[in-house]
Amino acid sequence: MARVRDPLVVGKVIGEVIDNFNPTVNMSVTYSSDKQVSNGQEFLPTAVVSKPRIQVPGGDMRSFFSLVMTDPDVPGPSDPYLREHLHWIVTDIPGTTDASFGHEVVSYESPKPTIGIHRFVFVLFKQKKRQAVNPRAPSTRDCFNTRRFADENDLGLPVAAVYFNAQRETAARRR
């Protein structure tokens, strides 16, 4: 029963984006001005324009990780027919470091929701070896599938995940 209160379950990240898993790494996602992401927190799109710092404290320098960031609510949460929109892929991140030491397969695209409140999900996988992930970028960012990506690259279940919410900023909110 305690699993029902997991914010990833409540936010439907587990179920719609990834399968149930046991977190084994304390991934930290921090945007500029030291704003750390916690599950369900709301960010203004102007606060997440630049790519965040992703710290992977688990493992050792011989462990490698892959990071995926997606928006499962495109174009809008009530009809997400383009689910998932891919925002970022970084592979070969050495354990005990951050994503800047990895290989950026798909460059960071800042969140720009147009309709409703969107979830932006960061999922971290532990690779079985270095360069375990296909380094080719998908042909399109729309209709990405995190589960399929993990299956195609033999990544297994995630080791960490976190998400934040964002919605379109009105001109009054940007001031």
Protein backbone atom coordinates (compact mmCIF):
# COMPACT_ATOMS: atom_id res chain seq x y z
CA MET A 1 0.00 0.00 0.00
CA ALA A 2 2.87 2.42 0.66
CA ARG A 3 3.81 2.34 -3.06
CA VAL A 4 0.55 4.12 -3.96
CA ARG A 5 1.88 7.29 -2.30
CA ASP A 6 4.98 7.30 -4.50
CA PRO A 7 4.89 10.65 -6.34
CA LEU A 8 5.90 8.91 -9.58
CA VAL A 9 2.78 6.74 -9.28
CA VAL A 10 0.53 9.66 -8.28
CA GLY A 11 1.90 11.72 -11.21
CA LYS A 12 1.32 8.70 -13.52
CA VAL A 13 4.98 8.68 -14.59
CA ILE A 14 5.04 5.05 -13.50
CA GLY A 15 2.44 3.55 -15.78
CA GLU A 16 2.51 6.03 -18.67
CA VAL A 17 6.28 6.48 -19.15
CA ILE A 18 8.11 3.78 -17.19
CA ASP A 19 7.35 0.58 -15.34
CA ASN A 20 7.49 0.22 -11.57
CA PHE A 21 11.09 0.07 -10.31
CA ASN A 22 13.13 0.33 -7.12
CA PRO A 23 15.32 3.47 -7.14
CA THR A 24 18.96 2.63 -6.43
CA VAL A 25 20.64 5.95 -7.32
CA ASN A 26 19.97 9.40 -5.85
CA MET A 27 20.00 11.40 -9.07
CA SER A 28 19.95 15.16 -8.59
CA VAL A 29 18.50 17.52 -11.23
CA THR A 30 19.27 21.21 -10.68
CA TYR A 31 18.44 24.15 -12.92
CA SER A 32 20.30 27.46 -12.84
CA SER A 33 19.99 29.51 -9.67
CA ASP A 34 20.18 26.25 -7.67
CA LYS A 35 16.56 25.17 -8.22
CA GLN A 36 16.56 21.43 -7.56
CA VAL A 37 13.78 19.40 -9.16
CA SER A 38 11.51 17.41 -6.88
CA ASN A 39 8.57 15.30 -8.05
CA GLY A 40 5.52 17.33 -9.04
CA GLN A 41 7.15 20.71 -8.44
CA GLU A 42 6.10 23.45 -10.86
CA PHE A 43 8.64 25.43 -12.86
CA LEU A 44 8.03 28.33 -15.20
CA PRO A 45 9.30 27.60 -18.73
CA THR A 46 11.61 30.62 -18.46
CA ALA A 47 13.33 28.93 -15.48
CA VAL A 48 14.18 25.78 -17.46
CA VAL A 49 15.52 27.26 -20.70
CA SER A 50 19.10 26.09 -20.11
CA LYS A 51 19.89 22.42 -19.58
CA PRO A 52 20.05 21.37 -15.95
CA ARG A 53 22.94 19.88 -14.06
CA ILE A 54 22.35 16.16 -13.56
CA GLN A 55 24.45 14.61 -10.82
CA VAL A 56 24.83 10.84 -10.60
CA PRO A 57 26.44 10.11 -7.24
CA GLY A 58 25.90 6.34 -7.32
CA GLY A 59 28.29 3.71 -8.49
CA ASP A 60 31.90 4.32 -9.37
CA MET A 61 33.87 5.60 -12.37
CA ARG A 62 33.46 2.16 -14.01
CA SER A 63 29.64 2.46 -13.93
CA PHE A 64 27.93 4.25 -16.81
CA PHE A 65 24.44 5.71 -17.02
CA SER A 66 22.01 6.92 -19.68
CA LEU A 67 19.60 9.80 -19.14
CA VAL A 68 16.35 10.43 -21.01
CA MET A 69 14.13 13.51 -20.63
CA THR A 70 10.65 13.41 -22.16
CA ASP A 71 7.28 15.18 -22.07
CA PRO A 72 4.48 12.58 -22.10
CA ASP A 73 1.76 15.24 -22.46
CA VAL A 74 2.28 16.56 -26.03
CA PRO A 75 0.46 18.40 -27.47
CA GLY A 76 -1.79 18.58 -24.41
CA PRO A 77 -2.54 16.43 -21.36
CA SER A 78 -6.14 15.76 -22.39
CA ASP A 79 -5.08 14.32 -25.79
CA PRO A 80 -1.36 13.41 -25.74
CA TYR A 81 -1.34 11.78 -29.18
CA LEU A 82 2.35 12.69 -29.74
CA ARG A 83 3.39 11.05 -26.45
CA GLU A 84 6.31 11.14 -25.61
CA HIS A 85 8.14 14.21 -26.91
CA LEU A 86 11.89 13.72 -26.51
CA HIS A 87 13.78 16.61 -24.90
CA TRP A 88 17.22 15.13 -24.20
CA ILE A 89 19.36 11.98 -24.28
CA VAL A 90 22.79 11.69 -22.67
CA THR A 91 24.63 8.36 -22.54
CA ASP A 92 27.87 7.04 -21.07
CA ILE A 93 27.66 9.25 -17.97
CA PRO A 94 30.36 7.97 -15.58
CA GLY A 95 29.16 7.18 -12.07
CA THR A 96 30.05 9.76 -9.38
CA THR A 97 29.99 12.57 -12.00
CA ASP A 98 27.36 14.60 -13.83
CA ALA A 99 25.78 14.51 -17.30
CA SER A 100 28.31 16.97 -18.73
CA PHE A 101 30.82 14.07 -18.72
CA GLY A 102 28.52 11.91 -20.87
CA HIS A 103 27.81 11.73 -24.59
CA GLU A 104 24.93 13.98 -25.67
CA VAL A 105 23.02 11.94 -28.28
CA VAL A 106 20.08 14.36 -28.52
CA SER A 107 20.65 17.98 -27.54
CA TYR A 108 18.61 19.60 -24.78
CA GLU A 109 15.35 21.18 -25.93
CA SER A 110 13.81 23.50 -23.37
CA PRO A 111 10.20 22.86 -22.31
CA LYS A 112 7.61 25.02 -24.09
CA PRO A 113 4.16 23.68 -23.21
CA THR A 114 1.31 25.30 -25.15
CA ILE A 115 -1.81 23.68 -23.68
CA GLY A 116 -2.37 22.59 -20.08
CA ILE A 117 0.07 21.40 -17.44
CA HIS A 118 2.83 19.15 -18.79
CA ARG A 119 5.08 16.70 -16.95
CA PHE A 120 8.77 16.73 -17.83
CA VAL A 121 10.34 13.43 -16.84
CA PHE A 122 14.01 12.60 -16.26
CA VAL A 123 14.77 8.86 -16.29
CA LEU A 124 18.17 7.42 -15.45
CA PHE A 125 19.28 3.92 -16.51
CA LYS A 126 22.42 2.05 -15.52
CA GLN A 127 24.22 0.71 -18.57
CA LYS A 128 25.66 -2.79 -18.55
CA LYS A 129 28.85 -1.45 -20.19
CA ARG A 130 30.26 1.73 -21.70
CA GLN A 131 28.83 2.62 -25.11
CA ALA A 132 25.94 0.23 -24.58
CA VAL A 133 23.47 2.66 -26.13
CA ASN A 134 22.93 3.16 -29.86
CA PRO A 135 24.50 6.59 -30.46
CA ARG A 136 22.13 7.47 -33.32
CA ALA A 137 19.50 10.09 -32.56
CA PRO A 138 15.88 9.22 -33.34
CA SER A 139 14.56 10.68 -36.62
CA THR A 140 11.92 12.69 -34.74
CA ARG A 141 11.44 13.91 -31.18
CA ASP A 142 7.70 13.13 -31.22
CA CYS A 143 6.29 9.69 -30.41
CA PHE A 144 9.43 8.68 -28.53
CA ASN A 145 9.00 5.75 -26.16
CA THR A 146 11.22 5.49 -23.07
CA ARG A 147 10.36 1.82 -22.54
CA ARG A 148 11.23 0.96 -26.14
CA PHE A 149 14.50 2.93 -25.87
CA ALA A 150 15.42 0.93 -22.75
CA ASP A 151 14.50 -2.37 -24.44
CA GLU A 152 16.39 -1.60 -27.66
CA ASN A 153 19.52 -0.74 -25.68
CA ASP A 154 19.24 -3.52 -23.08
CA LEU A 155 19.06 -1.03 -20.19
CA GLY A 156 16.50 -2.80 -18.05
CA LEU A 157 14.47 -0.87 -15.48
CA PRO A 158 15.40 2.68 -14.46
CA VAL A 159 17.58 3.30 -11.41
CA ALA A 160 16.19 6.81 -10.78
CA ALA A 161 13.47 9.14 -12.07
CA VAL A 162 12.11 12.57 -11.22
CA TYR A 163 9.62 14.90 -12.91
CA PHE A 164 8.42 18.48 -12.76
CA ASN A 165 5.36 20.25 -14.08
CA ALA A 166 5.23 23.32 -16.32
CA GLN A 167 2.57 25.19 -18.20
CA ARG A 168 2.51 27.99 -20.74
CA GLU A 169 3.48 31.35 -19.34
CA THR A 170 1.18 34.22 -20.00
CA ALA A 171 2.68 37.64 -20.66
CA ALA A 172 1.64 38.71 -17.14
CA ARG A 173 3.47 35.75 -15.53
CA ARG A 174 6.72 36.53 -17.38
CA ARG A 175 7.02 39.98 -15.83
